[in-house]
């Protein structure tokens, strides 16, 4: 069964059982391309972030966090070691950085577009570092039917921006 067929069945079930309070899914199905890269220097990671042209995101360092929203990315070298980051370019792509604990990083790019392989819903997680009152991180969580598995299962979550208060 393809994602559009599953979405139609799910929405029918959701409408027929309002007391179950099933979460809403995005109205469309998606294609998703995931490209991981291993990087061995922080300079390569910063270059990858720069090439990505992020417009919104957050960066976690050894001694602090920074966020930016609709403004250019500014690296805070005085915060120490880069540990992780999640940024979006606002054009259907998200870039996630994770320190691997061995002196390197995994930089993963997620590109999503209209398709028929994945369902999606939006989720929010509480954050505490936005002075403007945006206290949540928003993600597009992708679901896929797997062979041998019952139903659809979450497979990826891509940072898509900041939300309002939790």
N, C-alpha and C. Protein backbone atom coordinates (compact mmCIF):
# COMPACT_ATOMS: atom_id res chain seq x y z
N UNK A 1 0.85 -1.17 0.00
CA UNK A 1 0.00 0.00 0.00
C UNK A 1 0.90 1.24 0.00
N UNK A 2 0.55 2.23 -0.80
CA UNK A 2 1.38 3.44 -0.84
C UNK A 2 0.94 4.44 0.23
N UNK A 3 1.77 5.46 0.42
CA UNK A 3 1.55 6.42 1.50
C UNK A 3 0.23 7.17 1.34
N UNK A 4 -0.15 7.52 0.12
CA UNK A 4 -1.41 8.24 -0.09
C UNK A 4 -2.61 7.38 0.33
N UNK A 5 -2.57 6.09 0.00
CA UNK A 5 -3.67 5.19 0.40
C UNK A 5 -3.74 5.06 1.92
N UNK A 6 -2.59 4.92 2.56
CA UNK A 6 -2.56 4.84 4.03
C UNK A 6 -3.10 6.12 4.64
N UNK A 7 -2.70 7.27 4.07
CA UNK A 7 -3.16 8.57 4.58
C UNK A 7 -4.68 8.67 4.49
N UNK A 8 -5.27 8.26 3.38
CA UNK A 8 -6.73 8.31 3.23
C UNK A 8 -7.42 7.43 4.28
N UNK A 9 -6.90 6.23 4.48
CA UNK A 9 -7.49 5.33 5.48
C UNK A 9 -7.34 5.91 6.89
N UNK A 10 -6.18 6.45 7.17
CA UNK A 10 -5.93 7.02 8.50
C UNK A 10 -6.88 8.19 8.76
N UNK A 11 -7.02 9.09 7.79
CA UNK A 11 -7.90 10.25 7.98
C UNK A 11 -9.35 9.81 8.16
N UNK A 12 -9.77 8.76 7.44
CA UNK A 12 -11.12 8.23 7.63
C UNK A 12 -11.30 7.69 9.04
N UNK A 13 -10.32 6.97 9.53
CA UNK A 13 -10.35 6.43 10.90
C UNK A 13 -10.37 7.57 11.92
N UNK A 14 -9.54 8.58 11.69
CA UNK A 14 -9.46 9.72 12.62
C UNK A 14 -10.81 10.45 12.71
N UNK A 15 -11.45 10.64 11.57
CA UNK A 15 -12.76 11.32 11.56
C UNK A 15 -13.84 10.47 12.22
N UNK A 16 -13.75 9.15 12.05
CA UNK A 16 -14.80 8.28 12.60
C UNK A 16 -14.64 8.03 14.09
N UNK A 17 -13.48 8.37 14.65
CA UNK A 17 -13.22 8.13 16.07
C UNK A 17 -12.67 9.41 16.74
N UNK A 18 -13.46 10.49 16.79
CA UNK A 18 -12.94 11.74 17.33
C UNK A 18 -12.52 11.65 18.80
N UNK A 19 -13.14 10.77 19.56
CA UNK A 19 -12.77 10.63 20.98
C UNK A 19 -11.39 10.02 21.17
N UNK A 20 -10.87 9.35 20.15
CA UNK A 20 -9.53 8.75 20.24
C UNK A 20 -8.43 9.81 20.17
N UNK A 21 -8.78 11.00 19.67
CA UNK A 21 -7.84 12.12 19.56
C UNK A 21 -6.55 11.71 18.85
N UNK A 22 -6.70 11.02 17.72
CA UNK A 22 -5.54 10.65 16.92
C UNK A 22 -4.90 11.91 16.35
N UNK A 23 -3.58 11.99 16.32
CA UNK A 23 -2.92 13.21 15.83
C UNK A 23 -3.12 13.40 14.33
N UNK A 24 -3.13 14.66 13.92
CA UNK A 24 -3.27 14.98 12.50
C UNK A 24 -1.95 14.72 11.79
N UNK A 25 -2.05 14.22 10.57
CA UNK A 25 -0.87 14.07 9.71
C UNK A 25 -0.87 15.20 8.69
N UNK A 26 0.27 15.46 8.10
CA UNK A 26 0.35 16.43 7.02
C UNK A 26 -0.57 15.96 5.89
N UNK A 27 -1.11 16.90 5.12
CA UNK A 27 -2.08 16.57 4.08
C UNK A 27 -1.46 15.85 2.89
N UNK A 28 -0.16 15.93 2.71
CA UNK A 28 0.51 15.32 1.57
C UNK A 28 1.50 14.27 2.03
N UNK A 29 1.85 13.38 1.11
CA UNK A 29 2.92 12.41 1.35
C UNK A 29 4.21 12.97 0.76
N UNK A 30 5.34 12.38 1.15
CA UNK A 30 6.65 12.94 0.80
C UNK A 30 7.59 11.89 0.23
N UNK A 31 8.59 12.39 -0.47
CA UNK A 31 9.82 11.68 -0.81
C UNK A 31 10.87 12.24 0.11
N UNK A 32 11.85 11.45 0.47
CA UNK A 32 12.90 11.90 1.38
C UNK A 32 14.23 11.33 0.90
N UNK A 33 15.23 12.20 0.78
CA UNK A 33 16.59 11.78 0.44
C UNK A 33 17.46 12.11 1.64
N UNK A 34 18.14 11.11 2.18
CA UNK A 34 18.99 11.26 3.36
C UNK A 34 20.43 11.02 2.94
N UNK A 35 21.30 12.01 3.21
CA UNK A 35 22.70 11.91 2.80
C UNK A 35 23.61 12.19 4.00
N UNK A 36 24.18 11.13 4.61
CA UNK A 36 25.11 11.33 5.73
C UNK A 36 26.55 11.47 5.23
N UNK A 37 27.32 12.30 5.94
CA UNK A 37 28.74 12.49 5.64
C UNK A 37 29.52 12.44 6.95
N UNK A 38 30.64 11.74 6.96
CA UNK A 38 31.56 11.77 8.10
C UNK A 38 32.59 12.86 7.85
N UNK A 39 32.84 13.68 8.86
CA UNK A 39 33.82 14.76 8.73
C UNK A 39 34.78 14.70 9.90
N UNK A 40 36.07 14.93 9.61
CA UNK A 40 37.09 14.77 10.64
C UNK A 40 37.66 16.07 11.19
N UNK A 41 37.19 17.21 10.68
CA UNK A 41 37.63 18.49 11.25
C UNK A 41 36.44 19.42 11.40
N UNK A 42 36.50 20.28 12.40
CA UNK A 42 35.41 21.23 12.62
C UNK A 42 35.34 22.23 11.46
N UNK A 43 36.48 22.50 10.82
CA UNK A 43 36.47 23.42 9.67
C UNK A 43 35.61 22.86 8.54
N UNK A 44 35.67 21.55 8.32
CA UNK A 44 34.83 20.92 7.29
C UNK A 44 33.36 21.01 7.66
N UNK A 45 33.06 20.86 8.94
CA UNK A 45 31.67 20.96 9.39
C UNK A 45 31.16 22.38 9.18
N UNK A 46 31.95 23.38 9.58
CA UNK A 46 31.52 24.78 9.39
C UNK A 46 31.36 25.10 7.91
N UNK A 47 32.23 24.55 7.06
CA UNK A 47 32.10 24.77 5.61
C UNK A 47 30.81 24.15 5.09
N UNK A 48 30.46 22.95 5.58
CA UNK A 48 29.20 22.31 5.17
C UNK A 48 28.00 23.13 5.62
N UNK A 49 28.04 23.65 6.84
CA UNK A 49 26.96 24.51 7.32
C UNK A 49 26.84 25.75 6.45
N UNK A 50 27.96 26.36 6.10
CA UNK A 50 27.95 27.57 5.27
C UNK A 50 27.38 27.29 3.88
N UNK A 51 27.80 26.20 3.25
CA UNK A 51 27.31 25.83 1.91
C UNK A 51 25.81 25.55 1.91
N UNK A 52 25.30 25.08 3.01
CA UNK A 52 23.89 24.74 3.13
C UNK A 52 22.99 25.98 3.10
N UNK A 53 23.54 27.15 3.43
CA UNK A 53 22.79 28.41 3.48
C UNK A 53 21.61 28.36 4.44
N UNK A 54 21.86 28.05 5.70
CA UNK A 54 20.74 27.95 6.65
C UNK A 54 20.13 29.31 6.94
N UNK A 55 18.82 29.31 7.20
CA UNK A 55 18.13 30.54 7.57
C UNK A 55 17.65 30.52 9.01
N UNK A 56 17.50 29.33 9.56
CA UNK A 56 17.02 29.17 10.93
C UNK A 56 17.65 27.93 11.52
N UNK A 57 17.99 28.00 12.82
CA UNK A 57 18.51 26.80 13.45
C UNK A 57 19.15 27.06 14.79
N UNK A 58 19.78 26.02 15.31
CA UNK A 58 20.46 26.12 16.59
C UNK A 58 21.76 25.33 16.51
N UNK A 59 22.72 25.77 17.33
CA UNK A 59 24.02 25.11 17.40
C UNK A 59 24.37 24.92 18.87
N UNK A 60 24.77 23.70 19.23
CA UNK A 60 25.18 23.39 20.60
C UNK A 60 26.69 23.24 20.67
N UNK A 61 27.29 23.97 21.59
CA UNK A 61 28.73 23.92 21.81
C UNK A 61 29.01 23.36 23.20
N UNK A 62 30.25 23.15 23.48
CA UNK A 62 30.68 22.65 24.78
C UNK A 62 30.24 23.58 25.91
N UNK A 63 30.26 24.89 25.68
CA UNK A 63 29.97 25.84 26.76
C UNK A 63 28.79 26.76 26.48
N UNK A 64 27.91 26.38 25.60
CA UNK A 64 26.75 27.22 25.35
C UNK A 64 26.01 26.82 24.09
N UNK A 65 24.86 27.45 23.90
CA UNK A 65 24.04 27.22 22.72
C UNK A 65 23.80 28.55 22.03
N UNK A 66 23.55 28.50 20.75
CA UNK A 66 23.13 29.69 20.04
C UNK A 66 22.01 29.31 19.10
N UNK A 67 21.18 30.27 18.79
CA UNK A 67 20.13 30.05 17.81
C UNK A 67 20.08 31.26 16.89
N UNK A 68 19.55 31.06 15.72
CA UNK A 68 19.35 32.16 14.79
C UNK A 68 18.05 31.90 14.05
N UNK A 69 17.35 32.96 13.73
CA UNK A 69 16.03 32.84 13.11
C UNK A 69 15.90 33.91 12.04
N UNK A 70 15.89 33.49 10.79
CA UNK A 70 15.80 34.39 9.64
C UNK A 70 16.92 35.43 9.63
N UNK A 71 18.10 34.96 9.91
CA UNK A 71 19.29 35.81 9.86
C UNK A 71 20.49 34.94 9.53
N UNK A 72 21.60 35.53 9.13
CA UNK A 72 22.78 34.73 8.78
C UNK A 72 23.35 33.98 10.00
N UNK A 73 23.90 32.81 9.72
CA UNK A 73 24.57 32.01 10.74
C UNK A 73 25.87 32.68 11.15
N UNK A 74 26.08 32.82 12.45
CA UNK A 74 27.32 33.38 12.98
C UNK A 74 27.91 32.34 13.93
N UNK A 75 29.12 31.89 13.65
CA UNK A 75 29.77 30.88 14.47
C UNK A 75 30.31 31.52 15.75
N UNK A 76 30.06 30.90 16.88
CA UNK A 76 30.52 31.39 18.18
C UNK A 76 31.72 30.56 18.64
N UNK A 77 32.89 30.87 18.13
CA UNK A 77 34.09 30.09 18.45
C UNK A 77 34.44 30.14 19.93
N UNK A 78 34.05 31.19 20.63
CA UNK A 78 34.38 31.31 22.05
C UNK A 78 33.53 30.39 22.94
N UNK A 79 32.59 29.66 22.36
CA UNK A 79 31.78 28.70 23.12
C UNK A 79 32.42 27.32 23.22
N UNK A 80 33.60 27.15 22.63
CA UNK A 80 34.29 25.86 22.72
C UNK A 80 33.91 24.90 21.62
N UNK A 81 34.08 23.63 21.89
CA UNK A 81 33.90 22.54 20.93
C UNK A 81 32.47 22.49 20.37
N UNK A 82 32.34 22.39 19.05
CA UNK A 82 31.05 22.17 18.42
C UNK A 82 30.59 20.75 18.73
N UNK A 83 29.38 20.61 19.25
CA UNK A 83 28.84 19.29 19.58
C UNK A 83 27.73 18.85 18.64
N UNK A 84 26.79 19.75 18.35
CA UNK A 84 25.69 19.39 17.47
C UNK A 84 25.01 20.63 16.92
N UNK A 85 24.21 20.43 15.90
CA UNK A 85 23.47 21.53 15.29
C UNK A 85 22.30 20.96 14.50
N UNK A 86 21.26 21.77 14.36
CA UNK A 86 20.14 21.46 13.48
C UNK A 86 19.74 22.77 12.82
N UNK A 87 19.75 22.79 11.49
CA UNK A 87 19.43 24.00 10.74
C UNK A 87 18.53 23.64 9.57
N UNK A 88 17.79 24.62 9.08
CA UNK A 88 16.98 24.44 7.88
C UNK A 88 17.28 25.58 6.92
N UNK A 89 17.17 25.30 5.64
CA UNK A 89 17.35 26.36 4.65
C UNK A 89 16.02 26.94 4.20
N UNK A 90 14.92 26.44 4.74
CA UNK A 90 13.60 26.95 4.40
C UNK A 90 13.09 26.48 3.05
N UNK A 91 13.84 25.63 2.37
CA UNK A 91 13.47 25.14 1.04
C UNK A 91 13.36 23.62 0.99
N UNK A 92 12.81 23.01 2.02
CA UNK A 92 12.64 21.57 2.01
C UNK A 92 13.89 20.79 2.34
N UNK A 93 14.77 21.38 3.14
CA UNK A 93 15.98 20.65 3.53
C UNK A 93 16.37 21.01 4.96
N UNK A 94 16.94 20.03 5.64
CA UNK A 94 17.40 20.18 7.01
C UNK A 94 18.78 19.55 7.11
N UNK A 95 19.68 20.17 7.86
CA UNK A 95 21.03 19.64 8.05
C UNK A 95 21.24 19.44 9.54
N UNK A 96 21.64 18.22 9.92
CA UNK A 96 21.86 17.88 11.33
C UNK A 96 23.32 17.51 11.51
N UNK A 97 23.93 18.02 12.57
CA UNK A 97 25.34 17.75 12.90
C UNK A 97 25.38 17.06 14.25
N UNK A 98 26.14 15.97 14.35
CA UNK A 98 26.32 15.26 15.62
C UNK A 98 27.79 14.95 15.82
N UNK A 99 28.34 15.33 16.96
CA UNK A 99 29.72 14.96 17.31
C UNK A 99 29.73 13.47 17.62
N UNK A 100 30.72 12.74 17.10
CA UNK A 100 30.71 11.29 17.27
C UNK A 100 31.50 10.79 18.48
N UNK A 101 32.12 11.69 19.23
CA UNK A 101 32.86 11.28 20.43
C UNK A 101 34.27 10.81 20.16
N UNK A 102 34.64 10.71 18.89
CA UNK A 102 35.98 10.26 18.51
C UNK A 102 36.74 11.30 17.71
N UNK A 103 36.41 12.57 17.89
CA UNK A 103 37.11 13.63 17.17
C UNK A 103 36.55 13.91 15.79
N UNK A 104 35.36 13.42 15.49
CA UNK A 104 34.73 13.67 14.20
C UNK A 104 33.25 13.96 14.35
N UNK A 105 32.61 14.22 13.24
CA UNK A 105 31.19 14.57 13.23
C UNK A 105 30.48 13.81 12.12
N UNK A 106 29.20 13.55 12.33
CA UNK A 106 28.34 13.05 11.27
C UNK A 106 27.42 14.21 10.88
N UNK A 107 27.48 14.59 9.62
CA UNK A 107 26.66 15.67 9.09
C UNK A 107 25.67 15.04 8.12
N UNK A 108 24.38 15.12 8.45
CA UNK A 108 23.35 14.46 7.64
C UNK A 108 22.41 15.49 7.05
N UNK A 109 22.24 15.42 5.74
CA UNK A 109 21.31 16.31 5.05
C UNK A 109 20.05 15.53 4.71
N UNK A 110 18.91 16.13 5.03
CA UNK A 110 17.60 15.56 4.72
C UNK A 110 16.93 16.50 3.72
N UNK A 111 16.57 15.98 2.55
CA UNK A 111 15.83 16.77 1.56
C UNK A 111 14.48 16.09 1.34
N UNK A 112 13.41 16.86 1.50
CA UNK A 112 12.08 16.28 1.34
C UNK A 112 11.28 17.07 0.32
N UNK A 113 10.41 16.36 -0.38
CA UNK A 113 9.57 16.96 -1.41
C UNK A 113 8.31 16.11 -1.55
N UNK A 114 7.36 16.59 -2.34
CA UNK A 114 6.13 15.84 -2.56
C UNK A 114 6.47 14.47 -3.15
N UNK A 115 5.78 13.45 -2.69
CA UNK A 115 6.05 12.11 -3.18
C UNK A 115 5.01 11.14 -2.67
N UNK A 116 5.41 9.87 -2.57
CA UNK A 116 4.45 8.87 -2.15
C UNK A 116 5.08 7.79 -1.28
N UNK A 117 6.18 8.11 -0.61
CA UNK A 117 6.88 7.09 0.19
C UNK A 117 6.70 7.28 1.69
N UNK A 118 6.51 8.51 2.16
CA UNK A 118 6.48 8.79 3.60
C UNK A 118 5.27 9.62 3.97
N UNK A 119 4.69 9.33 5.11
CA UNK A 119 3.71 10.20 5.75
C UNK A 119 4.48 11.11 6.70
N UNK A 120 3.87 12.19 7.15
CA UNK A 120 4.57 13.09 8.07
C UNK A 120 3.59 13.76 9.02
N UNK A 121 4.11 14.10 10.19
CA UNK A 121 3.37 14.94 11.12
C UNK A 121 4.37 15.93 11.70
N UNK A 122 3.83 17.02 12.26
CA UNK A 122 4.69 18.02 12.90
C UNK A 122 4.69 17.78 14.40
N UNK A 123 5.88 17.82 14.97
CA UNK A 123 6.02 17.66 16.42
C UNK A 123 6.83 18.83 16.95
N UNK A 124 6.61 19.12 18.24
CA UNK A 124 7.35 20.20 18.90
C UNK A 124 8.02 19.67 20.14
N UNK A 125 9.23 20.17 20.39
CA UNK A 125 9.96 19.84 21.60
C UNK A 125 10.31 21.15 22.31
N UNK A 126 10.25 21.13 23.62
CA UNK A 126 10.52 22.32 24.41
C UNK A 126 12.00 22.68 24.33
N UNK A 127 12.27 23.96 24.12
CA UNK A 127 13.63 24.51 24.14
C UNK A 127 13.65 25.61 25.19
N UNK A 128 14.82 26.05 25.58
CA UNK A 128 14.86 27.06 26.64
C UNK A 128 15.81 28.21 26.35
N UNK A 129 16.21 28.39 25.08
CA UNK A 129 17.25 29.38 24.84
C UNK A 129 16.84 30.50 23.90
N UNK A 130 15.57 30.71 23.67
CA UNK A 130 15.13 31.76 22.76
C UNK A 130 14.58 32.95 23.53
N UNK A 131 15.30 34.05 23.51
CA UNK A 131 14.90 35.26 24.25
C UNK A 131 13.65 35.93 23.66
N UNK A 132 13.24 35.52 22.43
CA UNK A 132 12.10 36.13 21.77
C UNK A 132 10.77 35.46 22.12
N UNK A 133 10.78 34.46 22.99
CA UNK A 133 9.55 33.80 23.38
C UNK A 133 9.21 32.56 22.58
N UNK A 134 10.03 32.23 21.58
CA UNK A 134 9.83 30.98 20.85
C UNK A 134 10.49 29.88 21.66
N UNK A 135 9.69 29.09 22.33
CA UNK A 135 10.26 28.12 23.27
C UNK A 135 10.20 26.68 22.77
N UNK A 136 9.84 26.46 21.51
CA UNK A 136 9.81 25.09 21.01
C UNK A 136 10.62 24.96 19.72
N UNK A 137 11.14 23.76 19.53
CA UNK A 137 11.78 23.37 18.27
C UNK A 137 10.75 22.56 17.50
N UNK A 138 10.57 22.85 16.21
CA UNK A 138 9.59 22.13 15.41
C UNK A 138 10.29 21.17 14.46
N UNK A 139 9.70 19.98 14.33
CA UNK A 139 10.24 18.94 13.47
C UNK A 139 9.15 18.39 12.58
N UNK A 140 9.52 17.99 11.38
CA UNK A 140 8.66 17.22 10.51
C UNK A 140 9.12 15.77 10.69
N UNK A 141 8.24 14.95 11.28
CA UNK A 141 8.58 13.55 11.56
C UNK A 141 7.99 12.69 10.45
N UNK A 142 8.84 11.87 9.85
CA UNK A 142 8.45 11.04 8.72
C UNK A 142 8.15 9.61 9.16
N UNK A 143 7.08 9.05 8.60
CA UNK A 143 6.61 7.70 8.91
C UNK A 143 6.62 6.89 7.63
N UNK A 144 6.92 5.59 7.76
CA UNK A 144 6.95 4.73 6.58
C UNK A 144 6.48 3.32 6.95
N UNK A 145 5.78 2.71 6.02
CA UNK A 145 5.40 1.31 6.18
C UNK A 145 6.63 0.45 5.87
N UNK A 146 6.94 -0.47 6.76
CA UNK A 146 8.11 -1.35 6.59
C UNK A 146 7.62 -2.78 6.37
N UNK A 147 8.31 -3.50 5.51
CA UNK A 147 7.98 -4.91 5.29
C UNK A 147 8.08 -5.67 6.61
N UNK A 148 7.07 -6.45 6.90
CA UNK A 148 7.08 -7.26 8.11
C UNK A 148 6.70 -6.53 9.38
N UNK A 149 6.53 -5.22 9.31
CA UNK A 149 6.16 -4.44 10.50
C UNK A 149 4.66 -4.15 10.45
N UNK A 150 4.08 -3.96 11.59
CA UNK A 150 2.67 -3.66 11.68
C UNK A 150 2.48 -2.15 11.55
N UNK A 151 1.73 -1.71 10.57
CA UNK A 151 1.44 -0.29 10.40
C UNK A 151 2.63 0.50 9.89
N UNK A 152 2.61 1.80 10.17
CA UNK A 152 3.71 2.67 9.78
C UNK A 152 4.53 3.01 11.02
N UNK A 153 5.81 3.26 10.81
CA UNK A 153 6.72 3.54 11.92
C UNK A 153 7.50 4.81 11.64
N UNK A 154 7.85 5.58 12.69
CA UNK A 154 8.66 6.77 12.48
C UNK A 154 10.07 6.37 12.06
N UNK A 155 10.63 7.08 11.07
CA UNK A 155 11.96 6.75 10.58
C UNK A 155 12.94 7.92 10.64
N UNK A 156 12.48 9.15 10.51
CA UNK A 156 13.35 10.33 10.57
C UNK A 156 12.55 11.51 11.11
N UNK A 157 13.25 12.47 11.67
CA UNK A 157 12.64 13.75 12.05
C UNK A 157 13.58 14.86 11.62
N UNK A 158 13.07 15.82 10.88
CA UNK A 158 13.87 16.92 10.35
C UNK A 158 13.49 18.23 11.03
N UNK A 159 14.48 18.97 11.49
CA UNK A 159 14.25 20.28 12.07
C UNK A 159 13.68 21.20 10.99
N UNK A 160 12.57 21.89 11.31
CA UNK A 160 11.97 22.81 10.34
C UNK A 160 11.83 24.23 10.88
N UNK A 161 12.18 24.47 12.15
CA UNK A 161 12.13 25.83 12.67
C UNK A 161 11.74 25.89 14.13
N UNK A 162 11.54 27.12 14.58
CA UNK A 162 11.14 27.38 15.95
C UNK A 162 9.63 27.61 15.99
N UNK A 163 9.02 27.26 17.10
CA UNK A 163 7.59 27.47 17.27
C UNK A 163 7.35 28.48 18.37
N UNK A 164 6.11 28.57 18.76
CA UNK A 164 5.74 29.49 19.82
C UNK A 164 5.97 28.89 21.19
N UNK A 165 5.33 29.48 22.15
CA UNK A 165 5.48 29.02 23.53
C UNK A 165 4.88 27.63 23.69
N UNK A 166 5.50 26.84 24.56
CA UNK A 166 5.05 25.47 24.80
C UNK A 166 3.73 25.46 25.55
